[in-house]
Amino acid sequence: MYEKLLGVLEELYILLRHIYDLAVEKKQVLINADNEQLTKIMRLEEEHMLKINRLEQERNRIIQEMVRDKVVSSPLKNLSEIRVWAEANSLVRLQNLTERLLELSKQLKDANETNGYLLKQAINVVTYSVNRMTQAQAAPVYGQHTGKGKIEQQTTNTKKVFDYKA
């Protein structure tokens, strides 16, 4: 049972490592504003996340089997709890894997925070550029009341981006 569980955890580590590598690559793609490459990376990330989801389901199934077969006394919530029940020959491998997963998760978190910041900055630049190009101004919703039951329409001075004739 422990070997199956460790196998699944090692596969998770490999997939998370691939996602981390993609996150590092994504940083440069965001800096270069390469939308085509960004789309490819996002597709790969999505594929990896689906695989990770399947592996998580497999990990949970194995743990449920371990509880059912009384290999462990209760469902395990994290890797530290697995160490308590691990067989001696699996303990060193499990500790090594735990340390690598923790370190990788920290690196991935940092990379995702950096990429999130870059995305926000890119969105701000695009929003600013669009607003500057269109000279975006909101037209008033209401006009002036003339006192004679009529409402005088107010217009704003907006610059047209495209000049066309119908």
Protein backbone atom coordinates (compact mmCIF):
# COMPACT_ATOMS: atom_id res chain seq x y z
CA MET A 1 0.00 0.00 0.00
CA TYR A 2 2.74 2.46 0.94
CA GLU A 3 4.51 1.80 -2.33
CA LYS A 4 1.36 2.68 -4.28
CA LEU A 5 0.92 5.83 -2.23
CA LEU A 6 4.56 6.85 -2.67
CA GLY A 7 4.27 6.18 -6.41
CA VAL A 8 1.29 8.49 -6.67
CA LEU A 9 3.06 11.16 -4.60
CA GLU A 10 6.11 10.94 -6.84
CA GLU A 11 3.92 11.34 -9.93
CA LEU A 12 2.34 14.39 -8.29
CA TYR A 13 5.79 15.82 -7.68
CA ILE A 14 6.75 15.33 -11.33
CA LEU A 15 3.58 17.04 -12.56
CA LEU A 16 4.01 19.91 -10.10
CA ARG A 17 7.60 20.28 -11.30
CA HIS A 18 6.30 20.58 -14.88
CA ILE A 19 3.80 23.22 -13.76
CA TYR A 20 6.59 25.11 -12.00
CA ASP A 21 8.72 24.99 -15.17
CA LEU A 22 5.76 26.34 -17.12
CA ALA A 23 5.31 29.13 -14.56
CA VAL A 24 8.94 30.15 -15.02
CA GLU A 25 8.51 30.10 -18.79
CA LYS A 26 5.24 32.02 -18.46
CA LYS A 27 7.04 34.88 -16.69
CA GLN A 28 9.21 35.55 -19.73
CA VAL A 29 6.23 35.11 -22.06
CA LEU A 30 4.28 37.72 -20.08
CA ILE A 31 7.22 40.12 -20.18
CA ASN A 32 7.50 39.62 -23.96
CA ALA A 33 3.70 39.89 -24.37
CA ASP A 34 3.66 36.73 -26.52
CA ASN A 35 -0.04 35.91 -26.51
CA GLU A 36 0.29 32.84 -28.72
CA GLN A 37 2.89 31.22 -26.46
CA LEU A 38 0.88 32.22 -23.37
CA THR A 39 -2.14 30.36 -24.76
CA LYS A 40 -0.02 27.24 -25.34
CA ILE A 41 1.35 27.38 -21.80
CA MET A 42 -2.13 27.79 -20.34
CA ARG A 43 -3.35 24.73 -22.27
CA LEU A 44 -0.45 22.67 -20.94
CA GLU A 45 -1.13 23.89 -17.41
CA GLU A 46 -4.76 22.87 -17.76
CA GLU A 47 -3.77 19.39 -18.96
CA HIS A 48 -1.39 19.00 -16.02
CA MET A 49 -4.03 20.19 -13.56
CA LEU A 50 -6.47 17.57 -14.87
CA LYS A 51 -3.81 14.89 -14.37
CA ILE A 52 -3.09 16.20 -10.87
CA ASN A 53 -6.80 16.02 -10.06
CA ARG A 54 -6.87 12.37 -11.17
CA LEU A 55 -3.79 11.59 -9.07
CA GLU A 56 -5.35 13.30 -6.03
CA GLN A 57 -8.42 11.11 -6.45
CA GLU A 58 -6.15 8.06 -6.66
CA ARG A 59 -4.26 9.19 -3.54
CA ASN A 60 -7.54 9.56 -1.64
CA ARG A 61 -8.69 6.11 -2.84
CA ILE A 62 -5.45 4.53 -1.61
CA ILE A 63 -5.77 6.22 1.77
CA GLN A 64 -9.36 5.02 2.09
CA GLU A 65 -8.16 1.49 1.33
CA MET A 66 -5.46 1.83 3.97
CA VAL A 67 -8.07 2.89 6.54
CA ARG A 68 -10.40 0.07 5.49
CA ASP A 69 -7.62 -2.52 5.69
CA LYS A 70 -6.56 -1.08 9.06
CA VAL A 71 -3.11 -0.16 7.79
CA VAL A 72 -3.76 3.26 9.31
CA SER A 73 -6.29 4.12 11.98
CA SER A 74 -7.85 7.26 10.48
CA PRO A 75 -7.84 9.21 7.21
CA LEU A 76 -4.54 11.02 6.73
CA LYS A 77 -4.77 14.77 6.32
CA ASN A 78 -1.19 15.53 5.31
CA LEU A 79 2.16 13.94 4.55
CA SER A 80 3.40 14.34 8.12
CA GLU A 81 0.70 11.97 9.35
CA ILE A 82 1.74 9.36 6.81
CA ARG A 83 5.20 9.22 8.43
CA VAL A 84 3.64 7.94 11.68
CA TRP A 85 2.23 4.91 9.87
CA ALA A 86 4.95 4.41 7.26
CA GLU A 87 6.92 1.22 7.12
CA ALA A 88 10.62 1.58 7.95
CA ASN A 89 11.81 0.98 4.37
CA SER A 90 9.46 3.68 3.04
CA LEU A 91 10.18 6.29 5.71
CA VAL A 92 13.38 7.76 4.23
CA ARG A 93 11.82 7.93 0.77
CA LEU A 94 8.70 9.56 2.21
CA GLN A 95 10.69 12.17 4.16
CA ASN A 96 12.72 13.05 1.08
CA LEU A 97 9.57 13.32 -1.03
CA THR A 98 7.85 15.45 1.61
CA GLU A 99 10.74 17.92 1.70
CA ARG A 100 10.87 18.15 -2.09
CA LEU A 101 7.10 18.71 -2.33
CA LEU A 102 7.19 21.44 0.31
CA GLU A 103 10.08 23.25 -1.36
CA LEU A 104 8.47 22.96 -4.78
CA SER A 105 5.14 24.28 -3.48
CA LYS A 106 6.92 27.37 -2.07
CA GLN A 107 8.70 27.97 -5.38
CA LEU A 108 5.47 27.52 -7.31
CA LYS A 109 3.65 29.94 -5.02
CA ASP A 110 6.35 32.58 -5.55
CA ALA A 111 6.33 32.09 -9.32
CA ASN A 112 2.53 32.36 -9.44
CA GLU A 113 2.56 35.55 -7.36
CA THR A 114 5.11 37.10 -9.74
CA ASN A 115 3.06 36.07 -12.78
CA GLY A 116 -0.10 37.41 -11.17
CA TYR A 117 1.60 40.76 -10.63
CA LEU A 118 2.78 40.82 -14.26
CA LEU A 119 -0.74 40.04 -15.47
CA LYS A 120 -2.22 42.84 -13.38
CA GLN A 121 0.33 45.28 -14.76
CA ALA A 122 -0.43 44.17 -18.32
CA ILE A 123 -4.15 44.65 -17.73
CA ASN A 124 -3.51 48.12 -16.30
CA VAL A 125 -1.44 49.09 -19.35
CA VAL A 126 -4.12 47.84 -21.75
CA THR A 127 -6.89 49.61 -19.82
CA TYR A 128 -4.92 52.84 -19.75
CA SER A 129 -4.14 52.58 -23.47
CA VAL A 130 -7.77 51.93 -24.41
CA ASN A 131 -8.94 54.83 -22.26
CA ARG A 132 -6.36 57.15 -23.82
CA MET A 133 -7.24 56.08 -27.36
CA THR A 134 -10.98 56.50 -26.89
CA GLN A 135 -10.82 59.48 -24.56
CA ALA A 136 -13.44 57.58 -22.60
CA GLN A 137 -15.99 59.90 -21.05
CA ALA A 138 -19.38 58.98 -19.71
CA ALA A 139 -22.30 60.84 -21.27
CA PRO A 140 -24.82 62.21 -18.78
CA VAL A 141 -27.89 60.13 -18.18
CA TYR A 142 -30.24 63.08 -17.54
CA GLY A 143 -30.68 66.44 -19.23
CA GLN A 144 -31.60 69.89 -17.91
CA HIS A 145 -35.26 70.48 -17.08
CA THR A 146 -36.44 73.63 -18.90
CA GLY A 147 -39.40 74.25 -16.64
CA LYS A 148 -41.93 73.88 -19.48
CA GLY A 149 -42.30 70.13 -19.23
CA LYS A 150 -39.43 69.54 -21.61
CA ILE A 151 -36.00 68.15 -20.97
CA GLU A 152 -33.12 69.69 -22.87
CA GLN A 153 -30.62 67.04 -23.99
CA GLN A 154 -27.03 67.63 -22.97
CA THR A 155 -24.19 66.40 -25.10
CA THR A 156 -20.60 65.78 -24.25
CA ASN A 157 -17.60 66.53 -26.33
CA THR A 158 -16.22 63.08 -27.09
CA LYS A 159 -13.54 62.42 -29.63
CA LYS A 160 -14.32 59.67 -32.12
CA VAL A 161 -11.67 57.05 -32.62
CA PHE A 162 -12.92 56.02 -36.05
CA ASP A 163 -14.33 58.47 -38.60
CA TYR A 164 -16.78 56.84 -40.98
CA LYS A 165 -19.69 57.66 -43.27
CA ALA A 166 -22.69 55.42 -43.72
